[in-house]
């Protein structure tokens, strides 16, 4: 319920803002004007909520009461925050672009390993994430509806703790996979725009083992995010204005 309420409030806020701006634009400009252009470089910031879905496979059967290959599943909600930058090129209503994001995902959590007879816990840490995506959208003057897809990474390491004298022997790597999402962006005034965006990350799998490598684990991580953000576009002279 918390997720649905958060999404509904964010969507309502952006729709209300867009509607207010459209009415204001209609009052201000005359019958002839140059349409707003999304072409140009931009930078911005965002914040939102992320929901992780993780499956950690006990490859060799470390847990005494579980067969090898048993999967421990867990999920976690947490905040996300970061920044983005990119470039758009508009031709008619079609807008193509490239965007890079970098930020933090607070999704760290561990849970009891399935089949464990001691307090053995597995999970992931919170950490930095980033992505590089292509964007394609359709512009309705100051409002842009877009989709994005590309590569993403997450550097939160795996968590493992137990009463037995084991340590993680394999160096913890960086999750790397793909991302897909979309959103709505609206130019408010001058160089500024506000956006609401959904994004799914499939960060792939990371393997780790216990020293001296006798017990192996495989961590499969996916995260969904809903973010509210803003952008500043550098070539503000492209904004809608009355024709002379």
Protein backbone atom coordinates (compact mmCIF):
# COMPACT_ATOMS: atom_id res chain seq x y z
CA UNK A 1 0.00 0.00 0.00
CA UNK A 2 2.86 2.40 0.79
CA UNK A 3 4.25 1.92 -2.71
CA UNK A 4 0.89 2.60 -4.41
CA UNK A 5 0.21 5.70 -2.30
CA UNK A 6 3.68 7.11 -3.01
CA UNK A 7 3.34 6.58 -6.76
CA UNK A 8 -0.17 8.06 -6.81
CA UNK A 9 0.93 11.18 -4.92
CA UNK A 10 3.95 11.70 -7.18
CA UNK A 11 1.87 11.29 -10.35
CA UNK A 12 -0.80 13.64 -9.01
CA UNK A 13 1.77 16.32 -8.19
CA UNK A 14 3.34 16.24 -11.66
CA UNK A 15 -0.04 16.18 -13.47
CA UNK A 16 -1.27 19.14 -11.42
CA UNK A 17 1.92 21.08 -12.12
CA UNK A 18 1.68 20.34 -15.85
CA UNK A 19 -1.95 21.41 -15.97
CA UNK A 20 -1.19 24.67 -14.15
CA UNK A 21 1.67 25.47 -16.54
CA UNK A 22 -0.42 24.67 -19.63
CA UNK A 23 -3.13 27.10 -18.47
CA UNK A 24 -0.50 29.77 -17.78
CA UNK A 25 1.06 29.31 -21.20
CA UNK A 26 -2.33 29.61 -22.85
CA UNK A 27 -2.94 32.94 -21.09
CA UNK A 28 0.49 34.39 -21.89
CA UNK A 29 1.15 33.70 -25.55
CA UNK A 30 -0.55 34.96 -28.65
CA UNK A 31 -1.91 33.08 -31.61
CA UNK A 32 1.58 32.71 -33.19
CA UNK A 33 4.60 31.43 -31.29
CA UNK A 34 7.69 29.27 -31.75
CA UNK A 35 7.19 25.81 -30.19
CA UNK A 36 9.37 24.81 -27.28
CA UNK A 37 12.47 22.83 -28.26
CA UNK A 38 13.92 20.00 -26.17
CA UNK A 39 17.23 20.14 -28.06
CA UNK A 40 20.24 20.80 -25.85
CA UNK A 41 22.40 19.77 -22.92
CA UNK A 42 20.87 19.41 -19.46
CA UNK A 43 21.79 18.48 -15.88
CA UNK A 44 19.60 17.79 -12.88
CA UNK A 45 18.90 15.89 -9.67
CA UNK A 46 16.38 13.33 -8.49
CA UNK A 47 15.11 11.52 -5.39
CA UNK A 48 12.67 8.69 -4.87
CA UNK A 49 12.03 5.18 -3.58
CA UNK A 50 13.49 1.83 -4.64
CA UNK A 51 12.25 -1.73 -4.11
CA UNK A 52 14.80 -4.54 -4.31
CA UNK A 53 14.08 -8.19 -5.11
CA UNK A 54 16.99 -10.54 -4.39
CA UNK A 55 17.52 -14.28 -4.70
CA UNK A 56 20.69 -15.73 -3.12
CA UNK A 57 21.46 -19.31 -4.14
CA UNK A 58 23.26 -21.58 -1.67
CA UNK A 59 25.19 -23.39 -4.43
CA UNK A 60 26.99 -26.01 -2.31
CA UNK A 61 24.52 -26.44 0.55
CA UNK A 62 26.10 -24.44 3.37
CA UNK A 63 22.79 -24.54 5.25
CA UNK A 64 22.56 -27.94 6.96
CA UNK A 65 18.80 -28.32 6.53
CA UNK A 66 18.60 -27.31 2.86
CA UNK A 67 19.63 -29.02 -0.34
CA UNK A 68 22.37 -27.51 -2.53
CA UNK A 69 20.87 -24.89 -4.82
CA UNK A 70 18.28 -23.64 -2.29
CA UNK A 71 17.38 -19.97 -2.89
CA UNK A 72 16.85 -17.41 -0.13
CA UNK A 73 14.60 -14.59 -1.35
CA UNK A 74 14.18 -11.20 0.26
CA UNK A 75 13.04 -7.69 -0.63
CA UNK A 76 13.62 -4.24 0.80
CA UNK A 77 12.32 -0.70 0.36
CA UNK A 78 14.69 2.26 0.60
CA UNK A 79 15.35 5.75 -0.68
CA UNK A 80 17.29 6.71 -3.79
CA UNK A 81 18.95 10.02 -4.60
CA UNK A 82 21.30 11.24 -7.29
CA UNK A 83 21.89 13.34 -10.35
CA UNK A 84 21.62 13.06 -14.10
CA UNK A 85 22.87 14.75 -17.23
CA UNK A 86 22.40 14.29 -20.94
CA UNK A 87 21.67 15.67 -24.36
CA UNK A 88 18.45 15.73 -26.41
CA UNK A 89 17.91 16.32 -30.12
CA UNK A 90 14.40 17.10 -31.36
CA UNK A 91 13.05 16.67 -34.89
CA UNK A 92 9.36 17.43 -35.15
CA UNK A 93 7.67 15.70 -32.20
CA UNK A 94 10.40 13.04 -32.00
CA UNK A 95 13.05 13.53 -29.31
CA UNK A 96 16.17 11.34 -29.16
CA UNK A 97 18.85 11.59 -26.52
CA UNK A 98 21.43 10.02 -24.27
CA UNK A 99 21.49 10.25 -20.46
CA UNK A 100 23.80 9.26 -17.60
CA UNK A 101 22.64 8.84 -14.00
CA UNK A 102 24.65 8.39 -10.81
CA UNK A 103 23.40 8.14 -7.24
CA UNK A 104 22.77 6.11 -4.09
CA UNK A 105 20.35 3.26 -3.35
CA UNK A 106 19.53 2.67 0.32
CA UNK A 107 18.32 -0.92 -0.11
CA UNK A 108 20.72 -2.72 2.26
CA UNK A 109 19.23 -5.65 4.13
CA UNK A 110 19.98 -9.23 5.20
CA UNK A 111 17.79 -12.13 6.26
CA UNK A 112 18.18 -15.61 7.70
CA UNK A 113 19.60 -18.09 5.19
CA UNK A 114 16.95 -20.66 4.22
CA UNK A 115 17.63 -23.95 5.99
CA UNK A 116 20.18 -22.48 8.37
CA UNK A 117 20.33 -24.00 11.87
CA UNK A 118 22.40 -21.10 13.20
CA UNK A 119 22.10 -17.34 12.85
CA UNK A 120 23.47 -17.24 9.30
CA UNK A 121 22.29 -14.20 7.37
CA UNK A 122 22.75 -13.16 3.73
CA UNK A 123 21.81 -10.04 1.76
CA UNK A 124 23.19 -6.90 0.13
CA UNK A 125 24.61 -3.60 1.33
CA UNK A 126 23.34 -0.21 0.24
CA UNK A 127 25.59 1.50 -2.29
CA UNK A 128 26.12 3.65 -5.35
CA UNK A 129 24.44 2.99 -8.68
CA UNK A 130 24.73 4.40 -12.15
CA UNK A 131 23.42 3.91 -15.65
CA UNK A 132 23.96 5.02 -19.23
CA UNK A 133 20.82 4.98 -21.36
CA UNK A 134 19.38 6.08 -24.66
CA UNK A 135 16.13 8.04 -24.54
CA UNK A 136 13.35 8.27 -27.11
CA UNK A 137 10.26 10.37 -26.63
CA UNK A 138 7.33 12.22 -28.15
CA UNK A 139 6.98 15.91 -27.35
CA UNK A 140 3.71 17.77 -27.05
CA UNK A 141 5.26 21.25 -26.92
CA UNK A 142 6.41 21.63 -23.29
CA UNK A 143 5.50 18.07 -22.24
CA UNK A 144 7.70 15.09 -23.13
CA UNK A 145 6.69 11.43 -22.86
CA UNK A 146 9.76 9.22 -23.08
CA UNK A 147 11.20 5.71 -22.72
CA UNK A 148 14.80 4.85 -21.86
CA UNK A 149 16.98 1.73 -21.90
CA UNK A 150 20.62 0.85 -21.44
CA UNK A 151 23.28 -0.40 -19.01
CA UNK A 152 23.30 -0.10 -15.22
CA UNK A 153 25.56 -1.03 -12.30
CA UNK A 154 25.33 -1.26 -8.50
CA UNK A 155 28.33 -1.50 -6.14
CA UNK A 156 26.58 -2.68 -2.95
CA UNK A 157 28.47 -5.77 -1.82
CA UNK A 158 26.95 -9.00 -0.54
CA UNK A 159 26.30 -9.44 3.18
CA UNK A 160 27.18 -12.69 4.95
CA UNK A 161 27.35 -13.31 8.69
CA UNK A 162 27.35 -16.49 10.78
CA UNK A 163 28.36 -17.80 14.19
CA UNK A 164 30.83 -20.20 12.56
CA UNK A 165 34.40 -18.96 11.88
CA UNK A 166 33.89 -18.27 8.17
CA UNK A 167 34.70 -15.12 6.23
CA UNK A 168 33.92 -14.11 2.67
CA UNK A 169 36.99 -15.17 0.71
CA UNK A 170 36.08 -14.13 -2.83
CA UNK A 171 36.41 -10.37 -3.49
CA UNK A 172 33.01 -8.74 -3.83
CA UNK A 173 32.46 -7.38 -7.33
CA UNK A 174 30.08 -4.85 -8.83
CA UNK A 175 26.63 -5.87 -10.08
CA UNK A 176 26.27 -5.07 -13.79
CA UNK A 177 23.20 -5.50 -16.00
CA UNK A 178 20.49 -3.67 -17.93
CA UNK A 179 17.84 -1.09 -17.19
CA UNK A 180 14.52 -0.08 -18.77
CA UNK A 181 12.07 2.65 -17.87
CA UNK A 182 10.12 5.71 -18.89
CA UNK A 183 8.49 8.86 -17.66
CA UNK A 184 6.97 12.26 -18.26
CA UNK A 185 8.87 15.56 -18.22
CA UNK A 186 7.39 19.05 -18.36
CA UNK A 187 9.15 22.38 -18.97
CA UNK A 188 8.04 24.76 -16.25
CA UNK A 189 9.64 28.12 -17.00
CA UNK A 190 12.76 29.24 -18.79
CA UNK A 191 15.44 26.57 -18.46
CA UNK A 192 13.75 24.39 -15.83
CA UNK A 193 11.73 21.20 -16.16
CA UNK A 194 10.29 18.64 -13.74
CA UNK A 195 9.98 14.90 -14.35
CA UNK A 196 8.43 11.75 -12.90
CA UNK A 197 10.19 8.51 -13.87
CA UNK A 198 9.85 4.76 -13.34
CA UNK A 199 12.93 2.59 -13.90
CA UNK A 200 13.60 -1.14 -13.61
CA UNK A 201 17.15 -2.42 -13.02
CA UNK A 202 18.18 -6.02 -13.60
CA UNK A 203 21.67 -5.94 -12.08
CA UNK A 204 22.44 -9.54 -13.01
CA UNK A 205 24.28 -11.92 -10.65
CA UNK A 206 27.36 -11.75 -8.45
CA UNK A 207 29.13 -14.82 -7.06
CA UNK A 208 30.94 -14.99 -3.74
CA UNK A 209 32.44 -17.83 -1.68
CA UNK A 210 33.60 -18.53 1.86
CA UNK A 211 37.31 -18.89 2.58
CA UNK A 212 38.94 -21.06 1.43
CA UNK A 213 36.26 -21.22 -1.29
CA UNK A 214 34.48 -24.38 -0.15
CA UNK A 215 30.97 -22.86 -0.05
CA UNK A 216 29.72 -20.78 -2.97
CA UNK A 217 26.78 -18.37 -3.23
CA UNK A 218 25.16 -16.64 -6.21
CA UNK A 219 23.26 -13.36 -5.74
CA UNK A 220 20.63 -12.28 -8.31
CA UNK A 221 19.48 -8.66 -7.78
CA UNK A 222 16.69 -6.57 -9.33
CA UNK A 223 15.49 -3.11 -8.26
CA UNK A 224 12.47 -0.97 -9.26
CA UNK A 225 12.52 2.78 -8.66
CA UNK A 226 10.09 5.71 -8.86
CA UNK A 227 11.87 9.07 -8.88
CA UNK A 228 10.83 12.71 -8.94
CA UNK A 229 13.44 15.07 -10.40
CA UNK A 230 14.23 18.32 -12.15
CA UNK A 231 16.51 19.36 -15.02
CA UNK A 232 18.18 22.59 -16.09
CA UNK A 233 18.59 22.99 -19.87
CA UNK A 234 21.47 25.23 -20.98
CA UNK A 235 20.10 26.65 -24.25
CA UNK A 236 17.09 28.39 -22.73
CA UNK A 237 16.77 30.65 -25.79
CA UNK A 238 14.95 27.71 -27.45
CA UNK A 239 11.89 28.13 -25.19
CA UNK A 240 8.47 29.08 -26.56
CA UNK A 241 8.08 32.76 -27.25
CA UNK A 242 5.77 34.97 -29.36
CA UNK A 243 6.76 35.57 -32.97
CA UNK A 244 7.71 39.14 -33.84
